[in-house]
Amino acid sequence: MNEAIDKMRKKVKKYLDKDRYIHTLGVMYTAGALAMRWGADLDQALIAGLLHDCAKCIPNDKKIRMCRKNGITVSPAEEANPSLLHAKLGAYLAAKKYHIRDRGILSAITCHTTGKPQMSLLDKILYIADYIEPNRAQLPNMAKARRLAFEDIDECLYMLLKDSLVYLNSRGLPVDPATERTYVYYKDYLKKEED
């Protein structure tokens, strides 16, 4: 890891609780492994992984206030579940607080919870790394997702999107329209027949 990333890591640690920091390191290293597998830029993947949850530990009411103050749109789904705002707010903080100018990194941070149609390779890597990192609680299809992430990144992404929608709908939780759009996009892209 280069010196700039290590310096950033020490700064991020101050703003995260212990469990979130452990998760963050897991995502960073998993994103790095996926970048090496798929030929993406290693430093971009490490930085995106390191900063993806930099706004996660901010209280929800403060997330909403910070978004409104800084012109970040809050959707109805985000209003109902302000935790989702940590992605958009995280990208904003990555730019302002950590001086990240790389649009690819900022995009990956922005869409790491909901996805988006036509995700870049880095977007996919961060989205998947967030789900499969070694410290993540066991989720449905975790072993398959971890295998697929290194075999067929688009199939893995599609499976995780589908599993997320099943989980949210089964619990009556709000679904961000971006997640539904992303799922439909990759369902069509991969020519999937099932629901």
N, C-alpha and C. Protein backbone atom coordinates (compact mmCIF):
# COMPACT_ATOMS: atom_id res chain seq x y z
N MET A 1 0.86 -1.18 0.00
CA MET A 1 0.00 0.00 0.00
C MET A 1 0.90 1.23 0.00
N ASN A 2 0.55 2.18 -0.85
CA ASN A 2 1.41 3.36 -0.92
C ASN A 2 1.18 4.29 0.27
N GLU A 3 2.11 5.22 0.42
CA GLU A 3 2.11 6.10 1.59
C GLU A 3 0.86 6.98 1.69
N ALA A 4 0.38 7.47 0.54
CA ALA A 4 -0.82 8.33 0.54
C ALA A 4 -2.05 7.56 1.01
N ILE A 5 -2.17 6.32 0.57
CA ILE A 5 -3.31 5.50 1.00
C ILE A 5 -3.19 5.17 2.48
N ASP A 6 -1.99 4.89 2.94
CA ASP A 6 -1.80 4.59 4.36
C ASP A 6 -2.15 5.81 5.23
N LYS A 7 -1.79 6.99 4.77
CA LYS A 7 -2.12 8.22 5.50
C LYS A 7 -3.64 8.40 5.54
N MET A 8 -4.29 8.14 4.42
CA MET A 8 -5.76 8.23 4.34
C MET A 8 -6.41 7.22 5.29
N ARG A 9 -5.83 6.02 5.35
CA ARG A 9 -6.36 4.96 6.22
C ARG A 9 -6.35 5.42 7.68
N LYS A 10 -5.28 6.05 8.10
CA LYS A 10 -5.19 6.53 9.49
C LYS A 10 -6.22 7.62 9.77
N LYS A 11 -6.48 8.47 8.79
CA LYS A 11 -7.48 9.52 8.96
C LYS A 11 -8.89 8.93 9.03
N VAL A 12 -9.19 7.99 8.15
CA VAL A 12 -10.52 7.36 8.13
C VAL A 12 -10.81 6.67 9.46
N LYS A 13 -9.81 6.03 10.02
CA LYS A 13 -9.98 5.28 11.27
C LYS A 13 -10.56 6.15 12.39
N LYS A 14 -10.22 7.43 12.38
CA LYS A 14 -10.69 8.36 13.43
C LYS A 14 -12.21 8.57 13.38
N TYR A 15 -12.81 8.36 12.21
CA TYR A 15 -14.23 8.68 12.03
C TYR A 15 -15.14 7.46 12.01
N LEU A 16 -14.58 6.27 12.20
CA LEU A 16 -15.37 5.05 12.15
C LEU A 16 -15.30 4.32 13.48
N ASP A 17 -16.38 3.62 13.82
CA ASP A 17 -16.29 2.77 15.01
C ASP A 17 -15.48 1.52 14.66
N LYS A 18 -15.13 0.73 15.67
CA LYS A 18 -14.22 -0.40 15.47
C LYS A 18 -14.74 -1.38 14.42
N ASP A 19 -16.00 -1.78 14.53
CA ASP A 19 -16.56 -2.75 13.58
C ASP A 19 -16.60 -2.20 12.16
N ARG A 20 -16.95 -0.93 12.01
CA ARG A 20 -17.01 -0.31 10.68
C ARG A 20 -15.61 -0.22 10.08
N TYR A 21 -14.62 0.06 10.92
CA TYR A 21 -13.25 0.15 10.42
C TYR A 21 -12.76 -1.23 9.96
N ILE A 22 -13.07 -2.26 10.72
CA ILE A 22 -12.68 -3.62 10.33
C ILE A 22 -13.34 -3.98 8.99
N HIS A 23 -14.64 -3.67 8.87
CA HIS A 23 -15.35 -3.90 7.60
C HIS A 23 -14.68 -3.11 6.47
N THR A 24 -14.34 -1.87 6.72
CA THR A 24 -13.72 -1.01 5.71
C THR A 24 -12.41 -1.60 5.20
N LEU A 25 -11.58 -2.08 6.11
CA LEU A 25 -10.33 -2.71 5.68
C LEU A 25 -10.62 -3.97 4.86
N GLY A 26 -11.63 -4.74 5.28
CA GLY A 26 -12.00 -5.93 4.51
C GLY A 26 -12.43 -5.57 3.10
N VAL A 27 -13.22 -4.51 2.97
CA VAL A 27 -13.67 -4.07 1.64
C VAL A 27 -12.49 -3.56 0.83
N MET A 28 -11.61 -2.81 1.46
CA MET A 28 -10.45 -2.29 0.75
C MET A 28 -9.61 -3.43 0.17
N TYR A 29 -9.28 -4.41 0.98
CA TYR A 29 -8.44 -5.51 0.50
C TYR A 29 -9.17 -6.40 -0.50
N THR A 30 -10.47 -6.60 -0.30
CA THR A 30 -11.24 -7.40 -1.25
C THR A 30 -11.34 -6.67 -2.59
N ALA A 31 -11.56 -5.35 -2.55
CA ALA A 31 -11.59 -4.57 -3.78
C ALA A 31 -10.23 -4.64 -4.49
N GLY A 32 -9.17 -4.62 -3.72
CA GLY A 32 -7.84 -4.74 -4.30
C GLY A 32 -7.65 -6.09 -4.99
N ALA A 33 -8.10 -7.15 -4.34
CA ALA A 33 -7.99 -8.49 -4.94
C ALA A 33 -8.81 -8.59 -6.22
N LEU A 34 -10.02 -8.03 -6.19
CA LEU A 34 -10.87 -8.05 -7.39
C LEU A 34 -10.25 -7.20 -8.50
N ALA A 35 -9.65 -6.08 -8.15
CA ALA A 35 -8.99 -5.24 -9.15
C ALA A 35 -7.86 -6.01 -9.83
N MET A 36 -7.09 -6.74 -9.04
CA MET A 36 -6.01 -7.53 -9.62
C MET A 36 -6.57 -8.62 -10.53
N ARG A 37 -7.66 -9.24 -10.11
CA ARG A 37 -8.27 -10.31 -10.92
C ARG A 37 -8.81 -9.78 -12.24
N TRP A 38 -9.48 -8.63 -12.21
CA TRP A 38 -10.17 -8.13 -13.39
C TRP A 38 -9.40 -7.05 -14.16
N GLY A 39 -8.18 -6.73 -13.73
CA GLY A 39 -7.36 -5.79 -14.47
C GLY A 39 -7.73 -4.33 -14.26
N ALA A 40 -8.33 -4.02 -13.13
CA ALA A 40 -8.66 -2.63 -12.80
C ALA A 40 -7.47 -1.99 -12.09
N ASP A 41 -7.50 -0.69 -11.96
CA ASP A 41 -6.44 0.04 -11.28
C ASP A 41 -6.46 -0.28 -9.79
N LEU A 42 -5.36 -0.82 -9.29
CA LEU A 42 -5.28 -1.26 -7.90
C LEU A 42 -5.45 -0.11 -6.91
N ASP A 43 -4.77 0.99 -7.12
CA ASP A 43 -4.88 2.12 -6.18
C ASP A 43 -6.30 2.68 -6.16
N GLN A 44 -6.94 2.78 -7.32
CA GLN A 44 -8.34 3.25 -7.35
C GLN A 44 -9.21 2.35 -6.50
N ALA A 45 -9.05 1.04 -6.65
CA ALA A 45 -9.87 0.08 -5.92
C ALA A 45 -9.61 0.17 -4.42
N LEU A 46 -8.35 0.30 -4.03
CA LEU A 46 -8.01 0.40 -2.61
C LEU A 46 -8.60 1.68 -2.00
N ILE A 47 -8.48 2.79 -2.71
CA ILE A 47 -9.01 4.06 -2.19
C ILE A 47 -10.54 4.01 -2.12
N ALA A 48 -11.19 3.50 -3.16
CA ALA A 48 -12.65 3.40 -3.13
C ALA A 48 -13.10 2.52 -1.97
N GLY A 49 -12.41 1.40 -1.76
CA GLY A 49 -12.75 0.52 -0.65
C GLY A 49 -12.54 1.19 0.70
N LEU A 50 -11.45 1.91 0.82
CA LEU A 50 -11.13 2.60 2.08
C LEU A 50 -12.14 3.69 2.41
N LEU A 51 -12.60 4.41 1.41
CA LEU A 51 -13.47 5.56 1.67
C LEU A 51 -14.96 5.28 1.49
N HIS A 52 -15.33 4.07 1.08
CA HIS A 52 -16.73 3.81 0.72
C HIS A 52 -17.70 4.09 1.86
N ASP A 53 -17.31 3.86 3.09
CA ASP A 53 -18.20 4.07 4.24
C ASP A 53 -17.75 5.24 5.11
N CYS A 54 -17.04 6.19 4.55
CA CYS A 54 -16.50 7.29 5.37
C CYS A 54 -17.61 8.13 6.00
N ALA A 55 -18.84 8.06 5.50
CA ALA A 55 -19.96 8.80 6.10
C ALA A 55 -20.91 7.89 6.87
N LYS A 56 -20.59 6.62 6.98
CA LYS A 56 -21.52 5.65 7.56
C LYS A 56 -21.83 5.92 9.04
N CYS A 57 -20.86 6.36 9.81
CA CYS A 57 -21.07 6.53 11.26
C CYS A 57 -21.64 7.90 11.63
N ILE A 58 -21.97 8.70 10.65
CA ILE A 58 -22.63 9.98 10.91
C ILE A 58 -24.10 9.68 11.25
N PRO A 59 -24.64 10.24 12.32
CA PRO A 59 -26.05 9.98 12.65
C PRO A 59 -26.97 10.34 11.49
N ASN A 60 -28.05 9.56 11.33
CA ASN A 60 -28.95 9.71 10.18
C ASN A 60 -29.52 11.12 10.02
N ASP A 61 -29.93 11.74 11.13
CA ASP A 61 -30.49 13.09 11.01
C ASP A 61 -29.44 14.08 10.51
N LYS A 62 -28.20 13.87 10.94
CA LYS A 62 -27.11 14.74 10.48
C LYS A 62 -26.80 14.46 9.00
N LYS A 63 -26.89 13.20 8.58
CA LYS A 63 -26.69 12.88 7.15
C LYS A 63 -27.66 13.68 6.30
N ILE A 64 -28.93 13.69 6.69
CA ILE A 64 -29.95 14.42 5.93
C ILE A 64 -29.62 15.91 5.91
N ARG A 65 -29.28 16.46 7.06
CA ARG A 65 -28.94 17.90 7.13
C ARG A 65 -27.73 18.22 6.25
N MET A 66 -26.71 17.39 6.33
CA MET A 66 -25.49 17.63 5.54
C MET A 66 -25.78 17.54 4.04
N CYS A 67 -26.61 16.59 3.65
CA CYS A 67 -26.97 16.46 2.23
C CYS A 67 -27.70 17.71 1.76
N ARG A 68 -28.68 18.11 2.52
CA ARG A 68 -29.46 19.30 2.12
C ARG A 68 -28.59 20.55 2.07
N LYS A 69 -27.72 20.71 3.05
CA LYS A 69 -26.84 21.87 3.11
C LYS A 69 -25.90 21.93 1.91
N ASN A 70 -25.50 20.75 1.41
CA ASN A 70 -24.51 20.69 0.34
C ASN A 70 -25.10 20.36 -1.02
N GLY A 71 -26.43 20.49 -1.15
CA GLY A 71 -27.08 20.31 -2.44
C GLY A 71 -27.13 18.88 -2.94
N ILE A 72 -27.07 17.92 -2.03
CA ILE A 72 -27.15 16.50 -2.40
C ILE A 72 -28.62 16.08 -2.30
N THR A 73 -29.17 15.64 -3.40
CA THR A 73 -30.58 15.26 -3.46
C THR A 73 -30.87 14.09 -2.52
N VAL A 74 -31.99 14.19 -1.79
CA VAL A 74 -32.44 13.12 -0.91
C VAL A 74 -33.74 12.57 -1.50
N SER A 75 -33.69 11.32 -1.95
CA SER A 75 -34.87 10.69 -2.56
C SER A 75 -35.85 10.27 -1.47
N PRO A 76 -37.10 9.96 -1.85
CA PRO A 76 -38.05 9.45 -0.85
C PRO A 76 -37.55 8.17 -0.16
N ALA A 77 -36.91 7.29 -0.91
CA ALA A 77 -36.37 6.06 -0.31
C ALA A 77 -35.28 6.39 0.70
N GLU A 78 -34.45 7.38 0.39
CA GLU A 78 -33.40 7.79 1.32
C GLU A 78 -33.97 8.52 2.53
N GLU A 79 -35.05 9.26 2.32
CA GLU A 79 -35.73 9.92 3.43
C GLU A 79 -36.26 8.86 4.40
N ALA A 80 -36.80 7.77 3.84
CA ALA A 80 -37.35 6.68 4.66
C ALA A 80 -36.24 5.84 5.29
N ASN A 81 -35.10 5.76 4.63
CA ASN A 81 -33.98 4.98 5.14
C ASN A 81 -32.69 5.80 4.96
N PRO A 82 -32.46 6.78 5.86
CA PRO A 82 -31.33 7.71 5.70
C PRO A 82 -29.96 7.05 5.68
N SER A 83 -29.89 5.82 6.15
CA SER A 83 -28.61 5.11 6.10
C SER A 83 -28.09 5.01 4.67
N LEU A 84 -29.01 4.95 3.69
CA LEU A 84 -28.60 4.89 2.28
C LEU A 84 -27.79 6.11 1.86
N LEU A 85 -28.01 7.22 2.54
CA LEU A 85 -27.33 8.47 2.17
C LEU A 85 -25.82 8.41 2.39
N HIS A 86 -25.34 7.43 3.14
CA HIS A 86 -23.91 7.40 3.41
C HIS A 86 -23.09 7.24 2.13
N ALA A 87 -23.69 6.69 1.07
CA ALA A 87 -22.96 6.52 -0.18
C ALA A 87 -22.74 7.87 -0.87
N LYS A 88 -23.84 8.59 -1.11
CA LYS A 88 -23.73 9.91 -1.76
C LYS A 88 -22.92 10.88 -0.89
N LEU A 89 -23.23 10.90 0.40
CA LEU A 89 -22.51 11.80 1.30
C LEU A 89 -21.04 11.38 1.41
N GLY A 90 -20.79 10.08 1.36
CA GLY A 90 -19.42 9.59 1.39
C GLY A 90 -18.61 10.07 0.20
N ALA A 91 -19.23 10.06 -0.98
CA ALA A 91 -18.53 10.56 -2.17
C ALA A 91 -18.23 12.05 -2.02
N TYR A 92 -19.19 12.79 -1.47
CA TYR A 92 -18.99 14.22 -1.23
C TYR A 92 -17.82 14.43 -0.26
N LEU A 93 -17.81 13.67 0.84
CA LEU A 93 -16.73 13.80 1.83
C LEU A 93 -15.39 13.33 1.27
N ALA A 94 -15.42 12.30 0.43
CA ALA A 94 -14.17 11.83 -0.19
C ALA A 94 -13.54 12.96 -1.00
N ALA A 95 -14.38 13.73 -1.69
CA ALA A 95 -13.88 14.85 -2.48
C ALA A 95 -13.42 16.01 -1.60
N LYS A 96 -14.24 16.36 -0.61
CA LYS A 96 -13.95 17.55 0.20
C LYS A 96 -12.91 17.31 1.30
N LYS A 97 -13.05 16.20 2.00
CA LYS A 97 -12.21 15.95 3.17
C LYS A 97 -10.93 15.19 2.84
N TYR A 98 -11.03 14.30 1.81
CA TYR A 98 -9.87 13.46 1.46
C TYR A 98 -9.26 13.87 0.11
N HIS A 99 -9.82 14.91 -0.49
CA HIS A 99 -9.27 15.51 -1.71
C HIS A 99 -9.20 14.54 -2.89
N ILE A 100 -10.19 13.66 -2.99
CA ILE A 100 -10.26 12.73 -4.12
C ILE A 100 -10.90 13.46 -5.30
N ARG A 101 -10.21 13.47 -6.40
CA ARG A 101 -10.71 14.13 -7.62
C ARG A 101 -11.06 13.11 -8.70
N ASP A 102 -10.65 11.88 -8.51
CA ASP A 102 -10.87 10.82 -9.49
C ASP A 102 -12.36 10.50 -9.59
N ARG A 103 -12.96 10.80 -10.75
CA ARG A 103 -14.39 10.60 -10.94
C ARG A 103 -14.79 9.13 -10.81
N GLY A 104 -13.90 8.23 -11.20
CA GLY A 104 -14.18 6.80 -11.09
C GLY A 104 -14.34 6.37 -9.64
N ILE A 105 -13.46 6.84 -8.79
CA ILE A 105 -13.55 6.52 -7.36
C ILE A 105 -14.82 7.11 -6.76
N LEU A 106 -15.11 8.36 -7.08
CA LEU A 106 -16.31 9.02 -6.54
C LEU A 106 -17.58 8.33 -7.02
N SER A 107 -17.60 7.89 -8.26
CA SER A 107 -18.75 7.16 -8.79
C SER A 107 -18.95 5.85 -8.04
N ALA A 108 -17.86 5.11 -7.84
CA ALA A 108 -17.95 3.83 -7.14
C ALA A 108 -18.49 4.01 -5.72
N ILE A 109 -18.02 5.03 -5.03
CA ILE A 109 -18.51 5.29 -3.67
C ILE A 109 -19.99 5.66 -3.73
N THR A 110 -20.38 6.50 -4.66
CA THR A 110 -21.76 6.95 -4.78
C THR A 110 -22.74 5.80 -4.98
N CYS A 111 -22.36 4.83 -5.79
CA CYS A 111 -23.32 3.76 -6.13
C CYS A 111 -23.05 2.44 -5.42
N HIS A 112 -22.23 2.43 -4.39
CA HIS A 112 -21.87 1.14 -3.78
C HIS A 112 -23.00 0.49 -2.99
N THR A 113 -24.07 1.20 -2.68
CA THR A 113 -25.19 0.57 -1.97
C THR A 113 -26.36 0.25 -2.89
N THR A 114 -26.59 1.07 -3.89
CA THR A 114 -27.76 0.88 -4.75
C THR A 114 -27.42 0.35 -6.13
N GLY A 115 -26.17 0.51 -6.54
CA GLY A 115 -25.81 0.19 -7.90
C GLY A 115 -26.35 1.26 -8.84
N LYS A 116 -26.11 1.07 -10.13
CA LYS A 116 -26.66 1.93 -11.16
C LYS A 116 -26.51 1.19 -12.49
N PRO A 117 -27.38 1.46 -13.45
CA PRO A 117 -27.20 0.84 -14.76
C PRO A 117 -25.84 1.22 -15.35
N GLN A 118 -25.30 0.33 -16.15
CA GLN A 118 -24.02 0.56 -16.83
C GLN A 118 -22.88 0.90 -15.87
N MET A 119 -22.76 0.11 -14.83
CA MET A 119 -21.69 0.34 -13.87
C MET A 119 -20.32 0.12 -14.52
N SER A 120 -19.36 0.95 -14.11
CA SER A 120 -17.97 0.75 -14.57
C SER A 120 -17.41 -0.47 -13.84
N LEU A 121 -16.26 -0.93 -14.29
CA LEU A 121 -15.62 -2.05 -13.62
C LEU A 121 -15.34 -1.71 -12.16
N LEU A 122 -14.86 -0.51 -11.88
CA LEU A 122 -14.59 -0.12 -10.50
C LEU A 122 -15.88 -0.06 -9.68
N ASP A 123 -16.96 0.44 -10.27
CA ASP A 123 -18.26 0.46 -9.59
C ASP A 123 -18.64 -0.96 -9.16
N LYS A 124 -18.52 -1.90 -10.08
CA LYS A 124 -18.88 -3.30 -9.81
C LYS A 124 -17.99 -3.89 -8.72
N ILE A 125 -16.70 -3.62 -8.82
CA ILE A 125 -15.75 -4.15 -7.84
C ILE A 125 -16.10 -3.68 -6.44
N LEU A 126 -16.37 -2.40 -6.27
CA LEU A 126 -16.68 -1.89 -4.93
C LEU A 126 -18.02 -2.43 -4.43
N TYR A 127 -19.03 -2.44 -5.29
CA TYR A 127 -20.34 -2.96 -4.89
C TYR A 127 -20.21 -4.40 -4.40
N ILE A 128 -19.49 -5.21 -5.14
CA ILE A 128 -19.33 -6.62 -4.79
C ILE A 128 -18.45 -6.78 -3.56
N ALA A 129 -17.34 -6.06 -3.50
CA ALA A 129 -16.43 -6.17 -2.35
C ALA A 129 -17.14 -5.83 -1.05
N ASP A 130 -18.05 -4.88 -1.09
CA ASP A 130 -18.81 -4.49 0.10
C ASP A 130 -19.65 -5.66 0.63
N TYR A 131 -20.13 -6.50 -0.28
CA TYR A 131 -20.95 -7.65 0.13
C TYR A 131 -20.14 -8.86 0.54
N ILE A 132 -19.01 -9.09 -0.12
CA ILE A 132 -18.33 -10.38 0.08
C ILE A 132 -17.10 -10.31 0.96
N GLU A 133 -16.74 -9.14 1.46
CA GLU A 133 -15.52 -9.05 2.26
C GLU A 133 -15.57 -10.05 3.41
N PRO A 134 -14.40 -10.55 3.85
CA PRO A 134 -14.35 -11.66 4.79
C PRO A 134 -15.05 -11.44 6.14
N ASN A 135 -15.20 -10.19 6.58
CA ASN A 135 -15.80 -9.92 7.88
C ASN A 135 -17.32 -9.79 7.82
N ARG A 136 -17.87 -9.81 6.63
CA ARG A 136 -19.32 -9.63 6.44
C ARG A 136 -20.06 -10.83 7.03
N ALA A 137 -21.15 -10.54 7.74
CA ALA A 137 -22.01 -11.61 8.25
C ALA A 137 -22.48 -12.45 7.07
N GLN A 138 -22.66 -13.72 7.30
CA GLN A 138 -23.09 -14.62 6.24
C GLN A 138 -24.44 -14.19 5.69
N LEU A 139 -24.48 -13.93 4.41
CA LEU A 139 -25.71 -13.58 3.71
C LEU A 139 -26.08 -14.75 2.82
N PRO A 140 -27.34 -14.79 2.36
CA PRO A 140 -27.71 -15.88 1.45
C PRO A 140 -26.78 -15.89 0.23
N ASN A 141 -26.40 -17.09 -0.18
CA ASN A 141 -25.55 -17.28 -1.37
C ASN A 141 -24.15 -16.70 -1.24
N MET A 142 -23.67 -16.52 -0.01
CA MET A 142 -22.35 -15.88 0.19
C MET A 142 -21.23 -16.68 -0.47
N ALA A 143 -21.20 -18.00 -0.27
CA ALA A 143 -20.12 -18.81 -0.86
C ALA A 143 -20.16 -18.71 -2.38
N LYS A 144 -21.35 -18.76 -2.95
CA LYS A 144 -21.48 -18.66 -4.40
C LYS A 144 -21.05 -17.27 -4.87
N ALA A 145 -21.45 -16.23 -4.15
CA ALA A 145 -21.07 -14.86 -4.53
C ALA A 145 -19.55 -14.69 -4.49
N ARG A 146 -18.92 -15.22 -3.47
CA ARG A 146 -17.47 -15.09 -3.36
C ARG A 146 -16.76 -15.81 -4.50
N ARG A 147 -17.28 -16.94 -4.91
CA ARG A 147 -16.71 -17.66 -6.05
C ARG A 147 -16.96 -16.90 -7.35
N LEU A 148 -18.22 -16.51 -7.56
CA LEU A 148 -18.59 -15.82 -8.80
C LEU A 148 -17.85 -14.50 -8.99
N ALA A 149 -17.54 -13.82 -7.91
CA ALA A 149 -16.86 -12.53 -7.99
C ALA A 149 -15.54 -12.64 -8.75
N PHE A 150 -14.92 -13.80 -8.68
CA PHE A 150 -13.64 -14.02 -9.34
C PHE A 150 -13.78 -14.79 -10.65
N GLU A 151 -15.01 -15.27 -10.94
CA GLU A 151 -15.25 -16.04 -12.17
C GLU A 151 -16.05 -15.25 -13.21
N ASP A 152 -17.10 -14.56 -12.77
CA ASP A 152 -17.98 -13.82 -13.68
C ASP A 152 -18.57 -12.64 -12.91
N ILE A 153 -17.93 -11.51 -13.04
CA ILE A 153 -18.29 -10.35 -12.21
C ILE A 153 -19.73 -9.87 -12.47
N ASP A 154 -20.18 -9.94 -13.72
CA ASP A 154 -21.55 -9.51 -14.02
C ASP A 154 -22.59 -10.46 -13.43
N GLU A 155 -22.35 -11.75 -13.50
CA GLU A 155 -23.26 -12.72 -12.87
C GLU A 155 -23.32 -12.51 -11.37
N CYS A 156 -22.17 -12.24 -10.78
CA CYS A 156 -22.12 -11.99 -9.34
C CYS A 156 -22.92 -10.74 -8.99
N LEU A 157 -22.71 -9.68 -9.74
CA LEU A 157 -23.43 -8.44 -9.51
C LEU A 157 -24.94 -8.66 -9.60
N TYR A 158 -25.37 -9.36 -10.65
CA TYR A 158 -26.79 -9.64 -10.84
C TYR A 158 -27.36 -10.43 -9.66
N MET A 159 -26.65 -11.46 -9.23
CA MET A 159 -27.12 -12.28 -8.11
C MET A 159 -27.25 -11.44 -6.84
N LEU A 160 -26.28 -10.58 -6.57
CA LEU A 160 -26.34 -9.75 -5.36
C LEU A 160 -27.49 -8.75 -5.43
N LEU A 161 -27.72 -8.17 -6.60
CA LEU A 161 -28.85 -7.24 -6.77
C LEU A 161 -30.17 -7.97 -6.53
N LYS A 162 -30.31 -9.13 -7.11
CA LYS A 162 -31.53 -9.91 -6.95
C LYS A 162 -31.74 -10.28 -5.48
N ASP A 163 -30.68 -10.77 -4.83
CA ASP A 163 -30.78 -11.15 -3.41
C ASP A 163 -31.14 -9.94 -2.54
N SER A 164 -30.59 -8.76 -2.87
CA SER A 164 -30.90 -7.54 -2.11
C SER A 164 -32.39 -7.20 -2.22
N LEU A 165 -32.92 -7.28 -3.43
CA LEU A 165 -34.34 -6.97 -3.62
C LEU A 165 -35.23 -7.97 -2.91
N VAL A 166 -34.88 -9.24 -2.96
CA VAL A 166 -35.65 -10.27 -2.25
C VAL A 166 -35.64 -9.97 -0.76
N TYR A 167 -34.47 -9.66 -0.21
CA TYR A 167 -34.34 -9.36 1.21
C TYR A 167 -35.18 -8.15 1.61
N LEU A 168 -35.02 -7.05 0.88
CA LEU A 168 -35.75 -5.82 1.22
C LEU A 168 -37.27 -6.02 1.10
N ASN A 169 -37.71 -6.65 0.03
CA ASN A 169 -39.15 -6.87 -0.16
C ASN A 169 -39.72 -7.82 0.87
N SER A 170 -38.95 -8.85 1.25
CA SER A 170 -39.45 -9.82 2.23
C SER A 170 -39.62 -9.20 3.62
N ARG A 171 -38.91 -8.12 3.88
CA ARG A 171 -38.99 -7.45 5.19
C ARG A 171 -39.80 -6.16 5.13
N GLY A 172 -40.35 -5.87 3.97
CA GLY A 172 -41.15 -4.66 3.83
C GLY A 172 -40.34 -3.39 3.97
N LEU A 173 -39.06 -3.46 3.65
CA LEU A 173 -38.18 -2.29 3.75
C LEU A 173 -38.23 -1.49 2.46
N PRO A 174 -37.99 -0.17 2.53
CA PRO A 174 -38.01 0.63 1.31
C PRO A 174 -36.91 0.20 0.35
N VAL A 175 -37.27 0.17 -0.92
CA VAL A 175 -36.31 -0.18 -1.96
C VAL A 175 -35.99 1.08 -2.74
N ASP A 176 -34.73 1.39 -2.84
CA ASP A 176 -34.32 2.56 -3.62
C ASP A 176 -34.57 2.25 -5.09
N PRO A 177 -35.23 3.17 -5.81
CA PRO A 177 -35.49 2.93 -7.23
C PRO A 177 -34.22 2.66 -8.04
N ALA A 178 -33.10 3.19 -7.61
CA ALA A 178 -31.84 2.94 -8.32
C ALA A 178 -31.49 1.46 -8.29
N THR A 179 -31.77 0.79 -7.19
CA THR A 179 -31.49 -0.64 -7.09
C THR A 179 -32.37 -1.42 -8.05
N GLU A 180 -33.66 -1.05 -8.10
CA GLU A 180 -34.57 -1.72 -9.05
C GLU A 180 -34.13 -1.48 -10.48
N ARG A 181 -33.77 -0.25 -10.83
CA ARG A 181 -33.31 0.06 -12.20
C ARG A 181 -32.04 -0.73 -12.54
N THR A 182 -31.15 -0.83 -11.58
CA THR A 182 -29.90 -1.55 -11.81
C THR A 182 -30.18 -3.03 -12.02
N TYR A 183 -31.04 -3.59 -11.19
CA TYR A 183 -31.42 -5.00 -11.34
C TYR A 183 -32.02 -5.25 -12.72
N VAL A 184 -32.97 -4.43 -13.14
CA VAL A 184 -33.61 -4.60 -14.44
C VAL A 184 -32.58 -4.46 -15.56
N TYR A 185 -31.69 -3.49 -15.43
CA TYR A 185 -30.66 -3.30 -16.46
C TYR A 185 -29.81 -4.57 -16.61
N TYR A 186 -29.32 -5.12 -15.50
CA TYR A 186 -28.44 -6.30 -15.58
C TYR A 186 -29.22 -7.56 -15.92
N LYS A 187 -30.47 -7.62 -15.55
CA LYS A 187 -31.32 -8.75 -15.98
C LYS A 187 -31.43 -8.75 -17.50
N ASP A 188 -31.70 -7.59 -18.08
CA ASP A 188 -31.78 -7.47 -19.54
C ASP A 188 -30.41 -7.69 -20.19
N TYR A 189 -29.38 -7.08 -19.62
CA TYR A 189 -28.02 -7.18 -20.15
C TYR A 189 -27.57 -8.64 -20.22
N LEU A 190 -27.88 -9.40 -19.18
CA LEU A 190 -27.48 -10.81 -19.12
C LEU A 190 -28.54 -11.74 -19.72
N LYS A 191 -29.63 -11.14 -20.22
CA LYS A 191 -30.72 -11.90 -20.86
C LYS A 191 -31.28 -12.98 -19.94
N LYS A 192 -31.58 -12.57 -18.72
CA LYS A 192 -32.15 -13.47 -17.72
C LYS A 192 -33.65 -13.59 -17.95
N GLU A 193 -34.17 -14.79 -17.80
CA GLU A 193 -35.60 -15.04 -18.01
C GLU A 193 -36.41 -14.97 -16.73
N GLU A 194 -35.81 -15.41 -15.61
CA GLU A 194 -36.58 -15.47 -14.35
C GLU A 194 -37.05 -14.10 -13.93
N ASP A 195 -38.07 -14.11 -13.10
CA ASP A 195 -38.74 -12.90 -12.60
C ASP A 195 -37.85 -11.71 -12.68
